Protein backbone atom coordinates (compact mmCIF):
# COMPACT_ATOMS: atom_id res chain seq x y z
CA UNK A 1 -8.32 12.70 -7.53
CA UNK A 2 -8.23 16.69 -6.65
CA UNK A 3 -6.10 17.03 -3.91
CA UNK A 4 -2.88 18.81 -2.97
CA UNK A 5 -1.29 15.81 -4.73
CA UNK A 6 -2.32 14.39 -7.93
CA UNK A 7 -2.34 10.24 -6.73
CA UNK A 8 -1.95 9.19 -10.70
CA UNK A 9 0.65 11.94 -10.82
CA UNK A 10 3.03 10.89 -8.17
CA UNK A 11 2.32 9.40 -9.22
CA UNK A 12 26.72 -7.00 8.69
CA UNK A 13 25.27 -9.89 10.66
CA UNK A 14 22.74 -9.00 8.74
CA UNK A 15 24.51 -9.05 5.21
CA UNK A 16 25.43 -12.44 5.58
CA UNK A 17 21.73 -13.63 6.88
CA UNK A 18 20.45 -11.24 3.82
CA UNK A 19 22.86 -13.03 1.31
CA UNK A 20 21.73 -16.18 2.29
CA UNK A 21 18.14 -15.55 2.53
CA UNK A 22 18.71 -14.68 -1.31
CA UNK A 23 19.83 -17.92 -2.47
CA UNK A 24 17.37 -19.65 -0.37
CA UNK A 25 13.93 -20.92 -2.35
CA UNK A 26 11.06 -18.87 -1.58
CA UNK A 27 9.40 -21.45 0.48
CA UNK A 28 12.17 -21.32 2.66
CA UNK A 29 13.14 -17.99 2.74
CA UNK A 30 9.21 -17.30 3.84
CA UNK A 31 9.38 -19.95 6.97
CA UNK A 32 11.78 -16.68 8.31
CA UNK A 33 9.22 -14.35 8.20
CA UNK A 34 7.24 -14.09 11.56
CA UNK A 35 3.10 -14.11 11.51
CA UNK A 36 1.70 -10.68 11.03
CA UNK A 37 -0.72 -8.57 13.21
CA UNK A 38 -2.28 -7.30 10.85
CA UNK A 39 -4.25 -4.03 11.39
CA UNK A 40 -6.90 -2.03 9.28
CA UNK A 41 -6.35 1.37 7.68
CA UNK A 42 -8.34 3.75 5.22
CA UNK A 43 -6.72 5.05 2.09
CA UNK A 44 -8.34 8.42 2.70
CA UNK A 45 -8.32 8.86 -1.68
CA UNK A 46 -11.34 6.59 -0.76
CA UNK A 47 -13.17 9.33 0.69
CA UNK A 48 -11.72 12.04 -1.84
CA UNK A 49 -14.91 13.76 -2.33
CA UNK A 50 -15.06 14.01 1.45
CA UNK A 51 -11.81 15.07 2.10
CA UNK A 52 -11.92 17.73 -0.31
CA UNK A 53 -14.94 19.11 1.48
CA UNK A 54 -13.88 19.20 4.98
CA UNK A 55 -10.77 17.30 5.72
CA UNK A 56 -10.84 16.96 9.25
CA UNK A 57 -14.60 15.75 9.00
CA UNK A 58 -13.46 13.21 6.97
CA UNK A 59 -10.81 11.92 9.00
CA UNK A 60 -13.30 11.87 12.02
CA UNK A 61 -15.33 9.96 10.22
CA UNK A 62 -12.97 7.46 9.50
CA UNK A 63 -12.25 6.98 12.87
CA UNK A 64 -15.84 6.48 13.97
CA UNK A 65 -15.88 3.64 11.50
CA UNK A 66 -13.09 2.14 13.65
CA UNK A 67 -10.03 2.05 11.56
CA UNK A 68 -7.23 2.37 13.40
CA UNK A 69 -4.78 4.20 10.64
CA UNK A 70 -5.36 6.13 7.69
CA UNK A 71 -2.91 6.20 4.81
CA UNK A 72 -2.43 9.37 3.22
CA UNK A 73 -2.67 11.02 -0.55
CA UNK A 74 -2.38 14.49 0.10
CA UNK A 75 -2.60 16.32 3.01
CA UNK A 76 -5.21 19.04 2.48
CA UNK A 77 -4.87 21.86 5.36
CA UNK A 78 -2.32 20.05 6.97
CA UNK A 79 0.35 20.09 4.10
CA UNK A 80 3.22 22.47 6.08
CA UNK A 81 1.78 21.76 9.28
CA UNK A 82 3.25 18.18 10.36
CA UNK A 83 2.63 19.08 14.38
CA UNK A 84 -0.86 19.87 13.57
CA UNK A 85 -1.52 16.91 11.60
CA UNK A 86 -0.12 14.77 14.39
CA UNK A 87 -2.01 16.44 16.83
CA UNK A 88 -5.62 15.75 15.10
CA UNK A 89 -4.59 11.85 14.57
CA UNK A 90 -3.66 11.43 17.97
CA UNK A 91 -7.15 12.84 19.40
CA UNK A 92 -8.96 10.86 17.03
CA UNK A 93 -6.73 7.86 18.00
CA UNK A 94 -5.40 7.46 14.31
CA UNK A 95 -1.87 6.07 13.57
CA UNK A 96 -0.71 7.53 9.87
CA UNK A 97 -0.57 3.84 8.50
CA UNK A 98 1.39 5.43 5.14
CA UNK A 99 1.44 7.57 2.52
CA UNK A 100 1.33 7.99 -1.16
CA UNK A 101 3.46 10.80 -2.70
CA UNK A 102 5.87 11.06 -5.73
CA UNK A 103 9.22 9.79 -6.91
CA UNK A 104 10.20 13.28 -6.82
CA UNK A 105 10.09 13.28 -2.75
CA UNK A 106 13.16 10.95 -2.76
CA UNK A 107 15.32 13.83 -4.86
CA UNK A 108 18.33 14.70 -2.78
CA UNK A 109 16.77 18.12 -2.42
CA UNK A 110 13.72 16.89 -0.98
CA UNK A 111 14.44 13.85 0.66
CA UNK A 112 15.13 15.81 4.22
CA UNK A 113 12.36 17.39 3.87
CA UNK A 114 10.09 14.63 3.48
CA UNK A 115 11.84 12.76 6.26
CA UNK A 116 10.97 15.31 8.55
CA UNK A 117 7.57 15.72 7.59
CA UNK A 118 6.83 11.94 7.79
CA UNK A 119 8.78 11.38 10.94
CA UNK A 120 6.80 14.56 12.48
CA UNK A 121 3.32 12.49 11.65
CA UNK A 122 4.29 9.06 12.84
CA UNK A 123 4.37 7.55 9.64
CA UNK A 124 6.83 5.09 8.57
CA UNK A 125 5.77 3.79 5.03
CA UNK A 126 6.62 5.97 2.31
CA UNK A 127 4.82 4.55 -0.96
CA UNK A 128 5.20 5.75 -4.78
CA UNK A 129 1.93 5.17 -6.34
CA UNK A 130 2.99 5.78 -9.85
CA UNK A 131 6.12 6.06 -12.12
CA UNK A 132 6.17 5.96 -15.78
CA UNK A 133 9.91 4.78 -15.75
CA UNK A 134 8.54 1.63 -13.56
CA UNK A 135 7.02 -0.11 -17.35
CA UNK A 136 10.07 1.78 -19.30
CA UNK A 137 12.44 -0.48 -20.66
CA UNK A 138 15.09 2.01 -20.54
CA UNK A 139 14.33 3.21 -16.94
CA UNK A 140 13.01 0.62 -15.05
CA UNK A 141 16.91 0.03 -13.72
CA UNK A 142 17.23 3.33 -12.72
CA UNK A 143 13.73 3.97 -10.69
CA UNK A 144 14.86 0.41 -8.94
CA UNK A 145 17.99 1.78 -8.24
CA UNK A 146 16.37 5.01 -6.46
CA UNK A 147 14.33 2.93 -4.41
CA UNK A 148 17.34 0.65 -3.11
CA UNK A 149 19.59 3.89 -2.39
CA UNK A 150 16.36 5.83 -0.49
CA UNK A 151 15.84 2.32 1.59
CA UNK A 152 19.06 2.28 2.82
CA UNK A 153 18.80 5.51 4.05
CA UNK A 154 15.18 5.57 5.61
CA UNK A 155 15.81 1.89 7.09
CA UNK A 156 18.13 3.75 10.12
CA UNK A 157 15.53 6.11 10.78
CA UNK A 158 12.72 2.72 11.59
CA UNK A 159 11.46 3.74 7.98
CA UNK A 160 10.70 2.38 4.52
CA UNK A 161 10.03 3.16 0.87
CA UNK A 162 7.86 1.31 -1.37
CA UNK A 163 5.57 1.09 -4.84
CA UNK A 164 1.97 0.23 -5.28
CA UNK A 165 1.18 -1.41 -8.64
CA UNK A 166 -2.06 -0.85 -10.51
CA UNK A 167 -2.18 -3.08 -13.65
CA UNK A 168 0.54 -1.92 -16.06
CA UNK A 169 2.89 -3.08 -13.55
CA UNK A 170 2.30 -6.52 -15.30
CA UNK A 171 3.18 -5.72 -18.69
CA UNK A 172 6.15 -8.19 -19.45
CA UNK A 173 9.45 -7.31 -20.84
CA UNK A 174 10.91 -10.80 -22.10
CA UNK A 175 10.00 -13.31 -19.94
CA UNK A 176 9.15 -11.33 -17.16
CA UNK A 177 6.62 -8.70 -15.88
CA UNK A 178 7.98 -5.50 -14.75
CA UNK A 179 6.67 -5.96 -11.22
CA UNK A 180 9.27 -9.02 -10.75
CA UNK A 181 11.74 -7.03 -12.33
CA UNK A 182 11.70 -4.72 -9.78
CA UNK A 183 10.93 -6.81 -7.06
CA UNK A 184 14.12 -8.77 -8.41
CA UNK A 185 16.32 -5.90 -8.73
CA UNK A 186 15.17 -4.02 -5.27
CA UNK A 187 16.51 -5.07 -1.80
CA UNK A 188 14.14 -6.72 0.79
CA UNK A 189 13.87 -3.71 2.49
CA UNK A 190 11.85 -1.83 -0.61
CA UNK A 191 8.38 -2.83 -0.21
CA UNK A 192 6.20 -4.01 -2.90
CA UNK A 193 2.46 -2.84 -1.83
CA UNK A 194 0.32 -4.93 -4.19
CA UNK A 195 -2.84 -3.37 -4.89
CA UNK A 196 -4.40 -6.94 -4.61
CA UNK A 197 -7.35 -5.79 -6.49
CA UNK A 198 -5.74 -4.26 -9.59
CA UNK A 199 -3.47 -7.06 -9.35
CA UNK A 200 -6.19 -9.71 -9.47
CA UNK A 201 -7.88 -7.60 -12.39
CA UNK A 202 -4.29 -7.87 -14.34
CA UNK A 203 -4.98 -11.81 -14.11
CA UNK A 204 -2.46 -12.33 -11.45
CA UNK A 205 -2.86 -14.30 -8.17
CA UNK A 206 -2.05 -11.65 -5.63
CA UNK A 207 -1.72 -14.48 -2.96
CA UNK A 208 0.74 -16.01 -5.00
CA UNK A 209 3.17 -12.80 -5.48
CA UNK A 210 3.08 -12.12 -1.44
CA UNK A 211 4.58 -16.04 -0.76
CA UNK A 212 6.56 -15.38 -3.97
CA UNK A 213 8.67 -11.94 -1.98
CA UNK A 214 8.02 -13.11 1.59
CA UNK A 215 8.35 -10.00 4.20
CA UNK A 216 7.95 -7.38 1.62
CA UNK A 217 4.11 -6.74 1.64
CA UNK A 218 4.53 -4.83 4.93
CA UNK A 219 1.36 -2.70 3.74
CA UNK A 220 -0.96 -3.89 1.08
CA UNK A 221 -4.31 -2.47 -0.22
CA UNK A 222 -7.72 -4.22 -0.05
CA UNK A 223 -9.37 -2.89 -2.79
CA UNK A 224 -13.04 -4.36 -3.32
CA UNK A 225 -12.72 -5.32 -7.31
CA UNK A 226 -14.93 -6.80 -9.64
CA UNK A 227 -13.67 -8.43 -13.23
CA UNK A 228 -15.46 -8.05 -16.45
CA UNK A 229 -17.31 -11.48 -16.54
CA UNK A 230 -18.59 -10.82 -12.78
CA UNK A 231 -19.91 -7.15 -13.96
CA UNK A 232 -23.53 -7.37 -12.84
CA UNK A 233 -23.51 -10.22 -10.52
CA UNK A 234 -20.85 -8.94 -7.67
CA UNK A 235 -20.29 -5.60 -6.31
CA UNK A 236 -17.12 -3.66 -5.12
CA UNK A 237 -17.81 -3.86 -1.64
CA UNK A 238 -14.76 -6.56 0.47
CA UNK A 239 -16.78 -9.88 0.41
CA UNK A 240 -18.88 -9.16 -2.49
CA UNK A 241 -16.29 -8.54 -5.47
CA UNK A 242 -14.52 -11.04 -7.27
CA UNK A 243 -11.09 -11.44 -5.47
CA UNK A 244 -9.87 -14.74 -3.16
CA UNK A 245 -9.19 -12.68 -0.18
CA UNK A 246 -9.09 -15.32 2.05
CA UNK A 247 -6.28 -16.64 0.26
CA UNK A 248 -4.42 -12.91 0.35
CA UNK A 249 -5.17 -12.46 3.91
CA UNK A 250 -3.93 -15.51 5.01
CA UNK A 251 -0.51 -14.87 2.79
CA UNK A 252 -0.24 -11.89 4.07
CA UNK A 253 -0.72 -13.11 7.52
CA UNK A 254 2.00 -16.14 6.96
CA UNK A 255 4.35 -14.63 4.75
CA UNK A 256 3.79 -11.41 4.07
CA UNK A 257 5.03 -9.51 7.32
CA UNK A 258 2.21 -7.41 6.68
CA UNK A 259 1.61 -4.87 9.28
CA UNK A 260 -1.48 -2.85 7.24
CA UNK A 261 -4.40 -4.00 5.59
CA UNK A 262 -5.32 -0.67 3.48
CA UNK A 263 -8.64 -0.45 2.28
CA UNK A 264 -8.92 1.39 -0.76
CA UNK A 265 -12.38 1.93 -1.98
CA UNK A 266 -12.15 3.18 -5.19
CA UNK A 267 -15.63 3.16 -6.97
CA UNK A 268 -18.85 3.31 -5.19
CA UNK A 269 -21.56 0.35 -6.11
CA UNK A 270 -25.52 1.71 -6.65
CA UNK A 271 -24.21 5.27 -6.70
CA UNK A 272 -24.03 4.92 -3.03
CA UNK A 273 -21.94 7.59 -0.50
CA UNK A 274 -18.43 7.20 -0.72
CA UNK A 275 -18.10 6.80 3.33
CA UNK A 276 -21.33 4.15 3.22
CA UNK A 277 -19.36 2.00 0.87
CA UNK A 278 -16.15 2.15 2.83
CA UNK A 279 -18.03 1.25 5.72
CA UNK A 280 -19.95 -1.70 4.51
CA UNK A 281 -16.15 -2.93 2.97
CA UNK A 282 -14.37 -1.97 6.48
CA UNK A 283 -17.43 -4.91 7.23
CA UNK A 284 -16.65 -6.92 5.06
CA UNK A 285 -13.18 -7.20 5.62
CA UNK A 286 -13.18 -7.85 9.52
CA UNK A 287 -15.93 -10.62 8.95
CA UNK A 288 -13.46 -12.29 6.18
CA UNK A 289 -10.75 -11.89 9.20
CA UNK A 290 -12.67 -13.70 11.93
CA UNK A 291 -13.88 -16.42 9.76
CA UNK A 292 -9.64 -17.06 9.26
CA UNK A 293 -8.40 -20.49 10.56
């Protein structure tokens, strides 16, 4: 994505309660997670071309579609203007559902600036969409520690950090995937932003992953994806793609503690405009949510 920030390059009682939950089986721990009232947001990378041409116009079009929030992947003309961006969002009736930023934003020399900017625009969820250390056998633990330290600083501020998966995070080190290792070595305050489209393409069960780590899916990526065997039969539009979304949505609502279902429309079937594909996926997701028991 050609934006200000490259998406790929970014790439006490409570203590007792937490320690108790750590030794409970997942199904029992899950009972402590309240059902979520999920809202829908758009990852602005979905309409990256429109953002590059006119970011304000792109935000307006997304708002008119009916999205409640937007997740950023770059700020374009608002890079150093949080007050102006917040006003624009307010005027459009949008909430900053999250952002994708690099791990460097959590460095000691950058963290306060990162906090100040995102607090000013009302963005609680700071998510990293990629870091080479995640799948490095010698550095994954170092990365997990960075997230633990950052999460501890953010929590009193009502904010949280997290990591976003693609397919590589499901490679294995021994008998566990790097996603499992990261989840098991980070606190419950670190969000596991599963991109359910990518995890399904990686032959994972996205609903099972949500249930395995209850309460840690505060924000999820709902990306329409088509697996190899469905090519030419299904389309990358929500409700028309390969991912078993009903089970994913149910898991998110029941145990994910999910605030935001964030649609990421990464490809555009039949060469149609990005905005049209995003609108169709929104309609597909809304239909599936209405059909939930």
